Protein backbone atom coordinates (compact mmCIF):
# COMPACT_ATOMS: atom_id res chain seq x y z
CA UNK A 1 -17.66 2.90 -12.37
CA UNK A 2 -15.21 1.89 -15.07
CA UNK A 3 -16.09 3.29 -18.50
CA UNK A 4 -15.00 2.28 -22.00
CA UNK A 5 -15.28 3.92 -25.39
CA UNK A 6 -16.48 1.33 -27.87
CA UNK A 7 -16.05 2.22 -31.60
CA UNK A 8 -18.77 1.31 -34.07
CA UNK A 9 -18.71 1.23 -37.85
CA UNK A 10 -21.43 2.77 -40.02
CA UNK A 11 -23.50 -0.40 -39.85
CA UNK A 12 -23.50 -0.26 -36.06
CA UNK A 13 -21.07 -3.17 -35.65
CA UNK A 14 -17.99 -3.20 -33.44
CA UNK A 15 -15.13 -1.84 -35.49
CA UNK A 16 -11.39 -1.53 -35.10
CA UNK A 17 -11.56 1.86 -36.78
CA UNK A 18 -12.17 4.98 -34.72
CA UNK A 19 -15.51 6.60 -35.45
CA UNK A 20 -18.46 7.64 -33.28
CA UNK A 21 -18.00 6.57 -29.67
CA UNK A 22 -20.46 5.28 -27.09
CA UNK A 23 -19.63 5.53 -23.36
CA UNK A 24 -20.16 2.17 -21.71
CA UNK A 25 -19.82 0.74 -18.22
CA UNK A 26 -17.60 -2.29 -17.66
CA UNK A 27 -20.70 -4.50 -17.77
CA UNK A 28 -22.03 -2.91 -20.98
CA UNK A 29 -18.67 -3.22 -22.71
CA UNK A 30 -18.07 -6.85 -21.86
CA UNK A 31 -21.67 -7.87 -22.47
CA UNK A 32 -21.62 -6.41 -25.96
CA UNK A 33 -18.13 -7.68 -26.63
CA UNK A 34 -19.16 -11.20 -25.61
CA UNK A 35 -22.28 -10.86 -27.76
CA UNK A 36 -20.15 -9.75 -30.69
CA UNK A 37 -17.97 -12.88 -30.38
CA UNK A 38 -21.04 -15.12 -30.19
CA UNK A 39 -22.52 -13.53 -33.31
CA UNK A 40 -19.26 -14.12 -35.22
CA UNK A 41 -19.39 -17.75 -34.18
CA UNK A 42 -23.04 -17.95 -35.18
CA UNK A 43 -22.26 -16.52 -38.61
CA UNK A 44 -19.72 -19.28 -39.17
CA UNK A 45 -22.33 -21.87 -38.27
CA UNK A 46 -24.79 -20.18 -40.60
CA UNK A 47 -22.49 -20.73 -43.56
CA UNK A 48 -22.23 -24.43 -42.69
CA UNK A 49 -25.84 -25.21 -41.73
CA UNK A 50 -27.81 -22.92 -44.02
CA UNK A 51 -31.33 -22.05 -42.80
CA UNK A 52 -30.85 -23.70 -39.39
CA UNK A 53 -27.79 -21.57 -38.77
CA UNK A 54 -29.69 -18.42 -39.72
CA UNK A 55 -32.47 -19.31 -37.29
CA UNK A 56 -29.89 -19.89 -34.58
CA UNK A 57 -28.37 -16.45 -35.21
CA UNK A 58 -31.75 -14.70 -35.04
CA UNK A 59 -32.72 -16.45 -31.78
CA UNK A 60 -29.33 -15.69 -30.25
CA UNK A 61 -29.57 -11.97 -31.05
CA UNK A 62 -33.14 -11.72 -29.70
CA UNK A 63 -32.27 -13.48 -26.45
CA UNK A 64 -29.18 -11.35 -25.91
CA UNK A 65 -30.90 -8.01 -26.40
CA UNK A 66 -33.96 -9.01 -24.33
CA UNK A 67 -31.70 -10.02 -21.44
CA UNK A 68 -29.31 -7.10 -21.66
CA UNK A 69 -31.44 -4.42 -19.96
CA UNK A 70 -32.45 -6.37 -16.84
CA UNK A 71 -28.98 -7.84 -16.36
CA UNK A 72 -27.22 -4.49 -16.79
CA UNK A 73 -29.53 -2.67 -14.39
CA UNK A 74 -29.36 -5.42 -11.79
CA UNK A 75 -25.55 -5.56 -11.90
CA UNK A 76 -25.02 -1.79 -11.77
CA UNK A 77 -27.44 -1.30 -8.85
CA UNK A 78 -25.93 -4.14 -6.85
CA UNK A 79 -29.01 -6.38 -6.94
CA UNK A 80 -26.93 -9.24 -8.33
CA UNK A 81 -23.24 -9.95 -7.99
CA UNK A 82 -20.90 -10.72 -10.83
CA UNK A 83 -21.00 -14.38 -9.78
CA UNK A 84 -24.61 -14.50 -10.99
CA UNK A 85 -23.76 -13.25 -14.49
CA UNK A 86 -23.11 -15.48 -17.51
CA UNK A 87 -19.68 -17.12 -17.42
CA UNK A 88 -18.38 -15.31 -20.49
CA UNK A 89 -19.15 -11.93 -18.92
CA UNK A 90 -17.74 -13.00 -15.52
CA UNK A 91 -14.40 -13.83 -17.10
CA UNK A 92 -14.18 -10.55 -18.99
CA UNK A 93 -15.18 -8.48 -15.95
CA UNK A 94 -12.24 -9.79 -13.92
CA UNK A 95 -9.91 -7.44 -15.83
CA UNK A 96 -12.11 -4.42 -15.07
CA UNK A 97 -12.53 -5.00 -11.33
CA UNK A 98 -9.14 -3.82 -10.08
CA UNK A 99 -9.36 -0.60 -12.08
CA UNK A 100 -12.86 0.15 -10.77
CA UNK A 101 -11.82 -0.42 -7.15
CA UNK A 102 -8.65 1.65 -7.50
CA UNK A 103 -10.64 4.50 -9.01
CA UNK A 104 -13.10 4.43 -6.11
CA UNK A 105 -10.38 4.38 -3.44
CA UNK A 106 -8.64 7.30 -5.12
CA UNK A 107 -11.77 9.48 -5.03
CA UNK A 108 -11.55 13.13 -4.06
CA UNK A 109 -12.88 12.39 -0.58
CA UNK A 110 -10.08 9.96 0.38
CA UNK A 111 -7.33 11.44 2.60
CA UNK A 112 -3.66 10.60 2.15
CA UNK A 113 -2.29 7.47 3.89
CA UNK A 114 -1.52 8.19 7.53
CA UNK A 115 2.04 7.93 8.82
CA UNK A 116 2.82 6.32 12.15
CA UNK A 117 -0.86 5.52 12.81
CA UNK A 118 -2.66 2.19 12.97
CA UNK A 119 -4.76 2.20 9.81
CA UNK A 120 -6.93 -0.45 8.14
CA UNK A 121 -8.88 0.75 5.08
CA UNK A 122 -12.39 -0.72 4.76
CA UNK A 123 -14.42 0.09 1.63
CA UNK A 124 -18.18 0.12 2.05
CA UNK A 125 -21.13 0.71 -0.27
CA UNK A 126 -21.67 4.26 0.96
CA UNK A 127 -18.35 5.27 2.52
CA UNK A 128 -14.70 4.40 3.16
CA UNK A 129 -13.28 4.09 6.67
CA UNK A 130 -9.72 4.23 7.97
CA UNK A 131 -10.01 2.10 11.10
CA UNK A 132 -7.64 2.16 14.07
CA UNK A 133 -7.58 -1.32 15.61
CA UNK A 134 -5.52 -0.08 18.55
CA UNK A 135 -8.01 2.59 19.63
CA UNK A 136 -11.10 0.72 18.33
CA UNK A 137 -12.11 3.90 16.53
CA UNK A 138 -12.12 5.14 12.95
CA UNK A 139 -9.28 7.53 12.13
CA UNK A 140 -11.57 9.00 9.51
CA UNK A 141 -14.66 8.16 7.48
CA UNK A 142 -15.05 9.61 3.96
CA UNK A 143 -17.86 9.63 1.41
CA UNK A 144 -19.33 11.42 -1.57
CA UNK A 145 -22.84 12.75 -1.07
CA UNK A 146 -24.83 13.57 -4.19
CA UNK A 147 -28.45 14.11 -5.21
CA UNK A 148 -28.94 10.46 -6.19
CA UNK A 149 -28.01 9.41 -2.66
CA UNK A 150 -30.59 11.75 -1.15
CA UNK A 151 -33.41 9.57 -2.51
CA UNK A 152 -34.91 7.77 0.50
CA UNK A 153 -35.49 4.17 -0.59
CA UNK A 154 -34.75 2.49 2.75
CA UNK A 155 -35.90 2.95 6.33
CA UNK A 156 -33.43 3.40 9.18
CA UNK A 157 -32.54 -0.02 10.60
CA UNK A 158 -31.10 0.88 14.04
CA UNK A 159 -29.35 -2.50 14.08
CA UNK A 160 -25.76 -1.91 15.17
CA UNK A 161 -23.43 -4.69 14.00
CA UNK A 162 -19.83 -5.76 14.63
CA UNK A 163 -17.79 -5.27 11.47
CA UNK A 164 -17.66 -8.63 9.63
CA UNK A 165 -14.28 -7.76 8.10
CA UNK A 166 -12.59 -7.76 11.50
CA UNK A 167 -11.72 -10.87 13.50
CA UNK A 168 -14.50 -11.71 15.94
CA UNK A 169 -12.12 -11.27 18.87
CA UNK A 170 -11.34 -7.68 17.76
CA UNK A 171 -14.72 -6.45 16.51
CA UNK A 172 -16.40 -3.93 18.80
CA UNK A 173 -20.02 -4.74 19.56
CA UNK A 174 -22.91 -2.64 20.79
CA UNK A 175 -22.48 -4.32 24.19
CA UNK A 176 -19.25 -2.35 24.62
CA UNK A 177 -21.37 0.81 24.79
CA UNK A 178 -23.99 -0.47 27.25
CA UNK A 179 -24.10 1.47 30.49
CA UNK A 180 -21.30 3.79 29.38
CA UNK A 181 -23.40 6.94 29.18
CA UNK A 182 -22.15 7.59 25.63
CA UNK A 183 -24.18 7.51 22.42
CA UNK A 184 -23.19 5.29 19.50
CA UNK A 185 -22.46 8.24 17.24
CA UNK A 186 -22.41 7.72 13.48
CA UNK A 187 -19.58 9.26 11.50
CA UNK A 188 -21.19 8.66 8.10
CA UNK A 189 -24.85 9.19 9.09
CA UNK A 190 -27.56 6.62 8.42
CA UNK A 191 -29.62 9.36 6.75
CA UNK A 192 -26.95 9.66 4.02
CA UNK A 193 -27.36 5.96 3.22
CA UNK A 194 -31.09 5.50 2.65
CA UNK A 195 -30.52 5.16 -1.10
CA UNK A 196 -29.54 1.46 -0.87
CA UNK A 197 -30.28 -1.34 1.61
CA UNK A 198 -26.64 -2.43 1.86
CA UNK A 199 -25.43 1.14 2.37
CA UNK A 200 -27.96 1.51 5.20
CA UNK A 201 -26.92 -1.79 6.80
CA UNK A 202 -23.20 -0.98 6.62
CA UNK A 203 -23.70 2.48 8.12
CA UNK A 204 -24.48 0.63 11.38
CA UNK A 205 -21.17 -1.27 11.42
CA UNK A 206 -19.37 -0.40 14.64
CA UNK A 207 -16.29 0.69 12.67
CA UNK A 208 -18.40 3.72 11.62
CA UNK A 209 -19.28 4.55 15.24
CA UNK A 210 -17.64 6.61 18.00
CA UNK A 211 -18.59 7.29 21.64
CA UNK A 212 -20.35 10.64 21.40
CA UNK A 213 -22.01 12.89 23.94
CA UNK A 214 -25.76 12.49 23.76
CA UNK A 215 -26.52 16.20 23.36
CA UNK A 216 -23.89 16.60 20.65
CA UNK A 217 -25.08 13.52 18.74
CA UNK A 218 -28.72 14.60 18.80
CA UNK A 219 -28.05 18.33 18.61
CA UNK A 220 -25.32 20.38 16.94
CA UNK A 221 -23.64 17.41 15.19
CA UNK A 222 -26.99 16.38 13.70
CA UNK A 223 -27.57 19.96 12.59
CA UNK A 224 -24.37 19.83 10.54
CA UNK A 225 -25.39 16.46 9.05
CA UNK A 226 -28.71 17.97 7.99
CA UNK A 227 -26.96 20.99 6.49
CA UNK A 228 -24.63 18.74 4.47
CA UNK A 229 -27.67 17.19 2.78
CA UNK A 230 -28.91 20.67 1.93
CA UNK A 231 -25.53 21.54 0.39
CA UNK A 232 -25.51 18.29 -1.59
CA UNK A 233 -28.95 19.11 -2.98
CA UNK A 234 -27.91 22.65 -3.87
CA UNK A 235 -24.52 21.81 -5.38
CA UNK A 236 -25.29 18.38 -6.81
CA UNK A 237 -22.32 16.74 -5.07
CA UNK A 238 -20.06 17.31 -2.08
CA UNK A 239 -17.21 15.33 -0.49
CA UNK A 240 -17.14 14.76 3.27
CA UNK A 241 -14.54 13.46 5.71
CA UNK A 242 -15.13 13.28 9.45
CA UNK A 243 -13.80 11.50 12.51
CA UNK A 244 -12.61 11.75 16.11
CA UNK A 245 -9.96 14.06 17.54
CA UNK A 246 -7.68 12.77 20.29
CA UNK A 247 -5.69 15.36 22.18
CA UNK A 248 -2.24 14.66 23.60
CA UNK A 249 -3.48 13.38 26.96
CA UNK A 250 -4.67 10.23 28.67
CA UNK A 251 -7.97 9.12 27.13
CA UNK A 252 -11.04 7.64 28.71
CA UNK A 253 -12.19 4.26 27.47
CA UNK A 254 -15.44 2.30 27.57
CA UNK A 255 -16.24 -1.37 27.07
CA UNK A 256 -15.39 -4.49 29.03
CA UNK A 257 -14.46 -6.88 26.24
CA UNK A 258 -13.03 -4.24 23.88
CA UNK A 259 -11.53 -0.98 25.12
CA UNK A 260 -13.06 1.76 22.98
CA UNK A 261 -11.32 5.14 23.23
CA UNK A 262 -13.55 8.15 23.95
CA UNK A 263 -12.59 11.10 21.68
CA UNK A 264 -12.14 14.57 23.12
CA UNK A 265 -13.57 16.20 19.98
CA UNK A 266 -14.72 15.57 16.39
CA UNK A 267 -13.92 17.09 13.02
CA UNK A 268 -15.70 17.32 9.70
CA UNK A 269 -14.35 18.79 6.46
CA UNK A 270 -16.44 19.36 3.34
CA UNK A 271 -15.35 19.97 -0.24
CA UNK A 272 -17.54 21.40 -2.96
CA UNK A 273 -15.35 20.69 -5.98
CA UNK A 274 -17.94 21.54 -8.64
CA UNK A 275 -18.64 25.10 -7.52
CA UNK A 276 -16.94 27.95 -9.33
CA UNK A 277 -14.49 28.44 -7.79
CA UNK A 278 -14.18 25.25 -5.69
CA UNK A 279 -14.47 25.76 -1.95
CA UNK A 280 -14.01 23.82 1.28
CA UNK A 281 -14.72 24.30 4.95
CA UNK A 282 -13.92 22.58 8.24
CA UNK A 283 -15.73 22.14 11.57
CA UNK A 284 -14.50 21.11 15.02
CA UNK A 285 -16.80 20.08 17.88
CA UNK A 286 -15.79 19.28 21.45
CA UNK A 287 -17.31 16.01 22.64
CA UNK A 288 -19.47 17.75 25.20
CA UNK A 289 -22.94 19.21 25.53
CA UNK A 290 -23.54 22.44 23.67
CA UNK A 291 -26.04 24.42 21.69
CA UNK A 292 -24.31 26.93 19.47
CA UNK A 293 -24.78 28.41 15.98
CA UNK A 294 -23.21 26.39 13.17
CA UNK A 295 -20.68 29.10 12.32
CA UNK A 296 -19.21 28.94 15.85
CA UNK A 297 -17.60 25.60 14.91
CA UNK A 298 -16.11 26.63 11.56
CA UNK A 299 -12.42 26.41 10.66
CA UNK A 300 -10.34 26.30 7.53
CA UNK A 301 -9.37 22.83 6.30
CA UNK A 302 -5.72 23.74 6.95
CA UNK A 303 -6.57 24.33 10.61
CA UNK A 304 -8.27 20.94 10.85
CA UNK A 305 -5.23 19.32 9.20
CA UNK A 306 -2.90 20.86 11.78
CA UNK A 307 -5.03 19.52 14.64
CA UNK A 308 -5.65 16.02 13.24
CA UNK A 309 -2.44 15.41 11.27
CA UNK A 310 -4.55 14.20 8.32
CA UNK A 311 -3.89 15.37 4.76
CA UNK A 312 -7.33 15.97 3.24
CA UNK A 313 -8.24 16.01 -0.47
CA UNK A 314 -4.78 15.07 -1.82
CA UNK A 315 -6.31 14.08 -5.18
CA UNK A 316 -6.99 17.75 -5.98
CA UNK A 317 -4.48 19.61 -8.14
CA UNK A 318 -1.92 21.15 -5.79
CA UNK A 319 -2.87 24.75 -6.57
CA UNK A 320 -6.58 24.06 -6.04
CA UNK A 321 -5.94 22.14 -2.82
CA UNK A 322 -3.81 24.96 -1.46
CA UNK A 323 -6.44 27.56 -2.33
CA UNK A 324 -9.54 25.82 -0.94
CA UNK A 325 -7.86 24.62 2.26
CA UNK A 326 -6.24 27.92 3.25
CA UNK A 327 -9.44 29.82 4.08
CA UNK A 328 -13.22 29.75 3.91
CA UNK A 329 -16.05 32.22 3.38
CA UNK A 330 -19.01 31.30 5.59
CA UNK A 331 -21.32 33.55 3.57
CA UNK A 332 -20.93 31.20 0.58
CA UNK A 333 -22.08 28.27 2.70
CA UNK A 334 -24.82 29.91 4.73
């Protein structure tokens, strides 16, 4: 979320001079800035209209501060869109939107742009997906998992949906999986998205789904998903990227209307940037049945990069990225 530092003078009014600073969200900043402009206008009217102007100023201030809390909370939690906000705040927020979106896309979890690969970036409430419209698969799905997102506010929906951001003729549907013998395997799991209704709904978009072996989906892959939530609780925040692996061979496909490629394997890489020192680890699973200990799938992030051709965690300082991706210590994760 975009933040601003708003200076106040000793009387608590907005000041051009630098003094004590209050950290504000884009909504807070523009709400208070708009309020400040209205109060200045009201003061001018007060001088002209005497007691009536003073009454107008008092009523304006009361209404603004009473409405501030509910509006701010509703906007920041996604309960209302910016189109439902007062016009003066809508106009001011337009300048903050691009910066907020750029900041989100450039998060630590986002891999570098892929070269020579079909890639459409789709930003969701709970994750970001690089979608391959040729293979009808995600190249990768990335998200931040923190303690706040572990709060279970929503129930699992189990309603798989074609992605509304793709043309109807291209969007994979759940019918493409019927009778295939493959599970609709989540990349960003539904259980990581129970903190918000929209995050839960979007986790069932078919752009977040891959054909996955039933025993892997319900077994060892799920075990890693569960462990990631444990790590997020312990560390406070982790960054996750996962997706399919396609070996250099002819691939199986499913689906009559849309040909969905069946991956030969899957990867997942995890970064704990807040630990001291930072650390990262990778996992690779063949898309087959298996029941093995978690550490039998471990790899360094560098190894996963060599197999997938994806550059993970490029937003890290180069020296930190090189250090955390070169090796891993399973004892620090187990």
